[in-house]
Amino acid sequence: PALRSGAWIEPAQVSWRDAAGAVASGAYFGDAAKPVLGWLLSTVDDDPIYVVYNRGTAAVQITLPPPPGTAWYRVADTGAWMEAEDNISAPGNEHRMAQAKYDLAARSLAVFVAR
């Protein structure tokens, strides 16, 4: 619901992140060699969502930021390796992340929700 809400997303609800899960600096945004961009969306009514995108031509290992809830759950990954699972988990079947590191395929996007 947070991604399809008709309400405007306030700047304070979005935190832009680098590949290490830290808040992205202006220098990070200005470096075209950095292929990863993440954003943490926090709303009052919905579970926090973390989206991370790898525009690069090689896989990268990213670090998830500390979850605002108990843990991160992978909702979707557009990487070819997950196509056997249709890339998107059905509600309630999301994969609970056991660690903060995640391998993100080239030119793919992953979505996580904190609970």
C-alpha atoms as a PDB file:
ATOM      1  CA  PRO A   1       0.000   0.000   0.000  1.00  0.00           C
ATOM      2  CA  ALA A   2       2.837   2.460   0.691  1.00  0.00           C
ATOM      3  CA  LEU A   3       4.017   2.280  -2.928  1.00  0.00           C
ATOM      4  CA  ARG A   4       0.609   2.836  -4.463  1.00  0.00           C
ATOM      5  CA  SER A   5      -0.752   5.379  -2.032  1.00  0.00           C
ATOM      6  CA  GLY A   6      -2.448   8.418  -3.506  1.00  0.00           C
ATOM      7  CA  ALA A   7      -0.809  10.535  -0.811  1.00  0.00           C
ATOM      8  CA  TRP A   8       2.306  12.585  -1.477  1.00  0.00           C
ATOM      9  CA  ILE A   9       5.514  11.078  -0.063  1.00  0.00           C
ATOM     10  CA  GLU A  10       7.198  13.635   2.161  1.00  0.00           C
ATOM     11  CA  PRO A  11      10.989  14.083   1.868  1.00  0.00           C
ATOM     12  CA  ALA A  12      11.376  13.076   5.539  1.00  0.00           C
ATOM     13  CA  GLN A  13       9.869   9.675   4.689  1.00  0.00           C
ATOM     14  CA  VAL A  14      12.650   8.806   2.197  1.00  0.00           C
ATOM     15  CA  SER A  15      16.265   8.110   3.061  1.00  0.00           C
ATOM     16  CA  TRP A  16      18.629   7.624   0.091  1.00  0.00           C
ATOM     17  CA  ARG A  17      21.249   4.913   0.678  1.00  0.00           C
ATOM     18  CA  ASP A  18      24.564   3.723  -0.758  1.00  0.00           C
ATOM     19  CA  ALA A  19      25.715   0.129  -1.333  1.00  0.00           C
ATOM     20  CA  ALA A  20      26.828  -0.127   2.310  1.00  0.00           C
ATOM     21  CA  GLY A  21      23.327   0.768   3.527  1.00  0.00           C
ATOM     22  CA  ALA A  22      24.518   4.125   4.861  1.00  0.00           C
ATOM     23  CA  VAL A  23      22.848   7.431   4.067  1.00  0.00           C
ATOM     24  CA  ALA A  24      24.197   8.466   0.649  1.00  0.00           C
ATOM     25  CA  SER A  25      26.322  11.596   0.581  1.00  0.00           C
ATOM     26  CA  GLY A  26      26.402  14.230  -2.114  1.00  0.00           C
ATOM     27  CA  ALA A  27      29.755  12.832  -3.235  1.00  0.00           C
ATOM     28  CA  TYR A  28      28.167   9.388  -3.638  1.00  0.00           C
ATOM     29  CA  PHE A  29      25.414  10.823  -5.832  1.00  0.00           C
ATOM     30  CA  GLY A  30      27.996  12.692  -7.877  1.00  0.00           C
ATOM     31  CA  ASP A  31      30.147   9.618  -8.574  1.00  0.00           C
ATOM     32  CA  ALA A  32      28.991   8.000 -11.828  1.00  0.00           C
ATOM     33  CA  ALA A  33      31.107   4.921 -11.004  1.00  0.00           C
ATOM     34  CA  LYS A  34      28.761   4.016  -8.137  1.00  0.00           C
ATOM     35  CA  PRO A  35      26.179   1.597  -9.619  1.00  0.00           C
ATOM     36  CA  VAL A  36      23.992   1.083  -6.532  1.00  0.00           C
ATOM     37  CA  LEU A  37      21.236   3.291  -5.170  1.00  0.00           C
ATOM     38  CA  GLY A  38      18.886   2.370  -2.372  1.00  0.00           C
ATOM     39  CA  TRP A  39      16.009   4.163  -0.761  1.00  0.00           C
ATOM     40  CA  LEU A  40      14.318   3.512   2.553  1.00  0.00           C
ATOM     41  CA  LEU A  41      10.670   4.522   2.648  1.00  0.00           C
ATOM     42  CA  SER A  42       9.115   4.916   6.087  1.00  0.00           C
ATOM     43  CA  THR A  43       5.464   5.750   6.574  1.00  0.00           C
ATOM     44  CA  VAL A  44       3.240   5.979   9.627  1.00  0.00           C
ATOM     45  CA  ASP A  45       0.685   3.437   8.426  1.00  0.00           C
ATOM     46  CA  ASP A  46       2.785   0.820   6.574  1.00  0.00           C
ATOM     47  CA  ASP A  47       5.828  -1.374   7.158  1.00  0.00           C
ATOM     48  CA  PRO A  48       9.101   0.325   6.121  1.00  0.00           C
ATOM     49  CA  ILE A  49      10.256  -0.605   2.611  1.00  0.00           C
ATOM     50  CA  TYR A  50      13.822  -0.749   1.322  1.00  0.00           C
ATOM     51  CA  VAL A  51      14.409  -0.768  -2.435  1.00  0.00           C
ATOM     52  CA  VAL A  52      17.897  -1.203  -3.839  1.00  0.00           C
ATOM     53  CA  TYR A  53      18.873  -0.951  -7.503  1.00  0.00           C
ATOM     54  CA  ASN A  54      22.064  -2.082  -9.250  1.00  0.00           C
ATOM     55  CA  ARG A  55      22.428  -0.361 -12.621  1.00  0.00           C
ATOM     56  CA  GLY A  56      25.871  -1.874 -13.139  1.00  0.00           C
ATOM     57  CA  THR A  57      26.931  -4.695 -15.446  1.00  0.00           C
ATOM     58  CA  ALA A  58      28.293  -6.849 -12.596  1.00  0.00           C
ATOM     59  CA  ALA A  59      26.716  -8.313  -9.487  1.00  0.00           C
ATOM     60  CA  VAL A  60      27.451  -6.476  -6.228  1.00  0.00           C
ATOM     61  CA  GLN A  61      27.169  -7.338  -2.589  1.00  0.00           C
ATOM     62  CA  ILE A  62      25.097  -4.750  -0.767  1.00  0.00           C
ATOM     63  CA  THR A  63      24.507  -4.229   2.925  1.00  0.00           C
ATOM     64  CA  LEU A  64      20.964  -3.766   4.167  1.00  0.00           C
ATOM     65  CA  PRO A  65      20.570  -0.913   6.646  1.00  0.00           C
ATOM     66  CA  PRO A  66      19.534  -1.909  10.168  1.00  0.00           C
ATOM     67  CA  PRO A  67      15.851  -2.885   9.949  1.00  0.00           C
ATOM     68  CA  PRO A  68      13.385  -0.480  11.569  1.00  0.00           C
ATOM     69  CA  GLY A  69      11.463  -3.601  12.685  1.00  0.00           C
ATOM     70  CA  THR A  70      12.671  -7.015  13.815  1.00  0.00           C
ATOM     71  CA  ALA A  71      14.068  -8.133  10.440  1.00  0.00           C
ATOM     72  CA  TRP A  72      14.096  -7.483   6.705  1.00  0.00           C
ATOM     73  CA  TYR A  73      12.044  -9.756   4.454  1.00  0.00           C
ATOM     74  CA  ARG A  74      12.798 -10.015   0.719  1.00  0.00           C
ATOM     75  CA  VAL A  75       9.625  -9.326  -1.234  1.00  0.00           C
ATOM     76  CA  ALA A  76      11.072  -9.255  -4.745  1.00  0.00           C
ATOM     77  CA  ASP A  77      14.269  -9.518  -6.751  1.00  0.00           C
ATOM     78  CA  THR A  78      14.323  -8.978 -10.505  1.00  0.00           C
ATOM     79  CA  GLY A  79      17.527 -11.006 -10.936  1.00  0.00           C
ATOM     80  CA  ALA A  80      17.334 -13.919 -13.378  1.00  0.00           C
ATOM     81  CA  TRP A  81      18.253 -16.368 -10.590  1.00  0.00           C
ATOM     82  CA  MET A  82      14.859 -15.752  -8.953  1.00  0.00           C
ATOM     83  CA  GLU A  83      12.716 -16.229 -12.062  1.00  0.00           C
ATOM     84  CA  ALA A  84      11.916 -19.799 -10.995  1.00  0.00           C
ATOM     85  CA  GLU A  85      10.052 -18.166  -8.085  1.00  0.00           C
ATOM     86  CA  ASP A  86       8.404 -15.576 -10.368  1.00  0.00           C
ATOM     87  CA  ASN A  87      10.652 -12.889  -8.856  1.00  0.00           C
ATOM     88  CA  ILE A  88       7.980 -11.758  -6.377  1.00  0.00           C
ATOM     89  CA  SER A  89       6.900 -13.496  -3.170  1.00  0.00           C
ATOM     90  CA  ALA A  90       3.229 -13.844  -2.391  1.00  0.00           C
ATOM     91  CA  PRO A  91       2.131 -11.896   0.702  1.00  0.00           C
ATOM     92  CA  GLY A  92       3.086 -13.898   3.777  1.00  0.00           C
ATOM     93  CA  ASN A  93       5.727 -15.934   1.889  1.00  0.00           C
ATOM     94  CA  GLU A  94       8.518 -13.346   1.907  1.00  0.00           C
ATOM     95  CA  HIS A  95      12.029 -14.630   2.680  1.00  0.00           C
ATOM     96  CA  ARG A  96      13.296 -13.561   6.136  1.00  0.00           C
ATOM     97  CA  MET A  97      16.835 -12.249   5.792  1.00  0.00           C
ATOM     98  CA  ALA A  98      19.271 -13.917   8.196  1.00  0.00           C
ATOM     99  CA  GLN A  99      22.128 -11.503   7.514  1.00  0.00           C
ATOM    100  CA  ALA A 100      22.675  -7.932   6.386  1.00  0.00           C
ATOM    101  CA  LYS A 101      24.660  -8.833   3.237  1.00  0.00           C
ATOM    102  CA  TYR A 102      22.815  -9.495  -0.015  1.00  0.00           C
ATOM    103  CA  ASP A 103      24.110 -10.354  -3.491  1.00  0.00           C
ATOM    104  CA  LEU A 104      22.324  -8.199  -6.039  1.00  0.00           C
ATOM    105  CA  ALA A 105      22.610  -9.260  -9.682  1.00  0.00           C
ATOM    106  CA  ALA A 106      23.628  -6.867 -12.429  1.00  0.00           C
ATOM    107  CA  ARG A 107      20.897  -4.557 -13.689  1.00  0.00           C
ATOM    108  CA  SER A 108      18.403  -5.699 -11.112  1.00  0.00           C
ATOM    109  CA  LEU A 109      16.317  -4.374  -8.268  1.00  0.00           C
ATOM    110  CA  ALA A 110      15.356  -5.925  -4.926  1.00  0.00           C
ATOM    111  CA  VAL A 111      12.580  -4.922  -2.527  1.00  0.00           C
ATOM    112  CA  PHE A 112      12.557  -5.636   1.196  1.00  0.00           C
ATOM    113  CA  VAL A 113      10.004  -4.933   3.908  1.00  0.00           C
ATOM    114  CA  ALA A 114      10.774  -4.584   7.634  1.00  0.00           C
ATOM    115  CA  ARG A 115       8.591  -6.288  10.195  1.00  0.00           C
END
